[in-house]
Amino acid sequence: MKKSVEEDVFIPLYPKSTVEDKSSPRSKFQERRFWSAVKLLSNVVLWDGIVPEDKVRDLALSKLLNRYLLLNILNTPLGPDNIEKCNKVVACLPERWFQDLKSGSTLPELTNFCQHLLQ
């Protein structure tokens, strides 16, 4: 899993003006790569409970979400596409990771993602 995250995930970052046209090849490529990384995120998280939780969280949150997915989400204009991306990421996260948290708090790895959601 670690090798896949480190070597197979690539989401190019283009200027917003380049990807605003959803029919452009760059925009389509970036979107395909983003959704491929989301699928990998959901697959990595499936190993929670089998592989030690700290390893799964590191791969899923520190490496995939914060290194790749969040950059793309922040570069996506606010609107329905951004909301869809955020919803899909949230849907991947196991509820078990949030059970022992105090109300109004989150996992340290999710701080930047939560700040984006609050916007």
Protein backbone atom coordinates (compact mmCIF):
# COMPACT_ATOMS: atom_id res chain seq x y z
CA MET A 1 0.00 0.00 0.00
CA LYS A 2 2.80 2.38 0.90
CA LYS A 3 4.47 1.78 -2.46
CA SER A 4 1.22 2.50 -4.30
CA VAL A 5 0.69 5.75 -2.41
CA GLU A 6 4.26 6.91 -2.90
CA GLU A 7 4.80 5.80 -6.50
CA ASP A 8 1.43 5.53 -8.23
CA VAL A 9 -0.43 8.64 -7.10
CA PHE A 10 0.06 11.68 -9.28
CA ILE A 11 -2.35 14.57 -9.48
CA PRO A 12 -1.02 17.43 -11.57
CA LEU A 13 -1.74 20.93 -10.38
CA TYR A 14 -2.61 23.29 -13.18
CA PRO A 15 -3.53 26.97 -12.82
CA LYS A 16 -7.24 27.46 -12.09
CA SER A 17 -7.66 29.24 -15.41
CA THR A 18 -6.44 26.10 -17.21
CA VAL A 19 -8.87 23.71 -15.54
CA GLU A 20 -11.94 25.94 -15.42
CA ASP A 21 -12.88 24.55 -18.84
CA LYS A 22 -14.13 21.11 -17.80
CA SER A 23 -13.80 19.81 -21.35
CA SER A 24 -10.08 20.60 -21.62
CA PRO A 25 -7.70 17.61 -21.68
CA ARG A 26 -5.80 18.95 -18.67
CA SER A 27 -8.96 19.29 -16.62
CA LYS A 28 -10.15 15.81 -17.55
CA PHE A 29 -6.76 14.27 -16.75
CA GLN A 30 -6.58 16.03 -13.39
CA GLU A 31 -10.09 14.86 -12.50
CA ARG A 32 -9.34 11.24 -13.46
CA ARG A 33 -6.20 11.27 -11.33
CA PHE A 34 -8.08 12.82 -8.39
CA TRP A 35 -10.83 10.18 -8.46
CA SER A 36 -8.24 7.43 -8.82
CA ALA A 37 -6.57 8.71 -5.64
CA VAL A 38 -9.94 8.82 -3.85
CA LYS A 39 -10.48 5.18 -4.81
CA LEU A 40 -7.05 4.33 -3.42
CA LEU A 41 -7.96 6.21 -0.22
CA SER A 42 -11.10 4.11 0.17
CA ASN A 43 -9.10 0.91 -0.44
CA VAL A 44 -6.39 1.86 2.06
CA VAL A 45 -9.00 2.62 4.72
CA LEU A 46 -10.54 -0.83 4.21
CA TRP A 47 -7.43 -2.25 5.88
CA ASP A 48 -8.27 -0.45 9.14
CA GLY A 49 -8.62 -3.10 11.84
CA ILE A 50 -6.34 -5.51 9.96
CA VAL A 51 -3.23 -3.35 9.63
CA PRO A 52 -2.27 -1.22 12.67
CA GLU A 53 -4.43 1.91 12.79
CA ASP A 54 -1.48 4.30 12.96
CA LYS A 55 -0.11 2.91 9.66
CA VAL A 56 -3.48 3.16 7.93
CA ARG A 57 -4.06 6.70 9.22
CA ASP A 58 -0.59 7.77 8.14
CA LEU A 59 -1.10 6.45 4.61
CA ALA A 60 -4.69 7.63 4.27
CA LEU A 61 -4.53 11.03 5.94
CA SER A 62 -0.95 12.25 6.04
CA LYS A 63 0.12 10.92 2.70
CA LEU A 64 -2.97 10.64 0.47
CA LEU A 65 -5.33 13.28 1.81
CA ASN A 66 -2.92 16.00 2.88
CA ARG A 67 -0.27 15.47 0.22
CA TYR A 68 -2.45 14.92 -2.85
CA LEU A 69 -6.20 15.19 -2.45
CA LEU A 70 -6.38 18.34 -0.36
CA LEU A 71 -4.24 20.31 -2.81
CA ASN A 72 -6.64 19.43 -5.59
CA ILE A 73 -9.69 20.24 -3.47
CA LEU A 74 -8.24 23.63 -2.54
CA ASN A 75 -7.57 24.31 -6.23
CA THR A 76 -11.16 23.42 -7.20
CA PRO A 77 -13.48 26.45 -7.31
CA LEU A 78 -16.06 26.48 -4.52
CA GLY A 79 -19.32 24.98 -5.71
CA PRO A 80 -20.95 21.62 -6.44
CA ASP A 81 -17.74 19.95 -7.70
CA ASN A 82 -15.84 20.94 -4.57
CA ILE A 83 -18.67 19.74 -2.34
CA GLU A 84 -18.81 16.40 -4.17
CA LYS A 85 -15.07 15.89 -3.71
CA CYS A 86 -15.25 16.71 0.00
CA ASN A 87 -18.25 14.40 0.49
CA LYS A 88 -16.46 11.49 -1.19
CA VAL A 89 -13.37 11.99 0.98
CA VAL A 90 -15.46 12.16 4.17
CA ALA A 91 -17.37 9.03 3.14
CA CYS A 92 -14.07 7.11 3.03
CA LEU A 93 -13.14 7.87 6.65
CA PRO A 94 -14.03 5.21 9.22
CA GLU A 95 -16.41 6.41 11.94
CA ARG A 96 -14.33 4.47 14.47
CA TRP A 97 -11.54 7.05 14.14
CA PHE A 98 -13.84 9.73 15.56
CA GLN A 99 -15.52 7.87 18.43
CA ASP A 100 -13.19 8.98 21.23
CA LEU A 101 -12.90 12.63 20.17
CA LYS A 102 -14.38 15.46 22.18
CA SER A 103 -17.21 17.42 20.61
CA GLY A 104 -15.90 20.07 18.23
CA SER A 105 -12.49 18.45 17.82
CA THR A 106 -10.97 16.39 15.04
CA LEU A 107 -7.96 14.26 14.24
CA PRO A 108 -4.76 16.32 13.97
CA GLU A 109 -4.25 15.11 10.39
CA LEU A 110 -7.64 16.52 9.40
CA THR A 111 -7.10 20.08 10.64
CA ASN A 112 -6.50 21.62 7.20
CA PHE A 113 -9.34 19.67 5.60
CA CYS A 114 -11.71 20.77 8.38
CA GLN A 115 -10.67 24.39 7.91
CA HIS A 116 -11.57 24.09 4.23
CA LEU A 117 -14.93 22.56 5.10
CA LEU A 118 -15.67 25.43 7.47
CA GLN A 119 -15.12 27.92 4.65
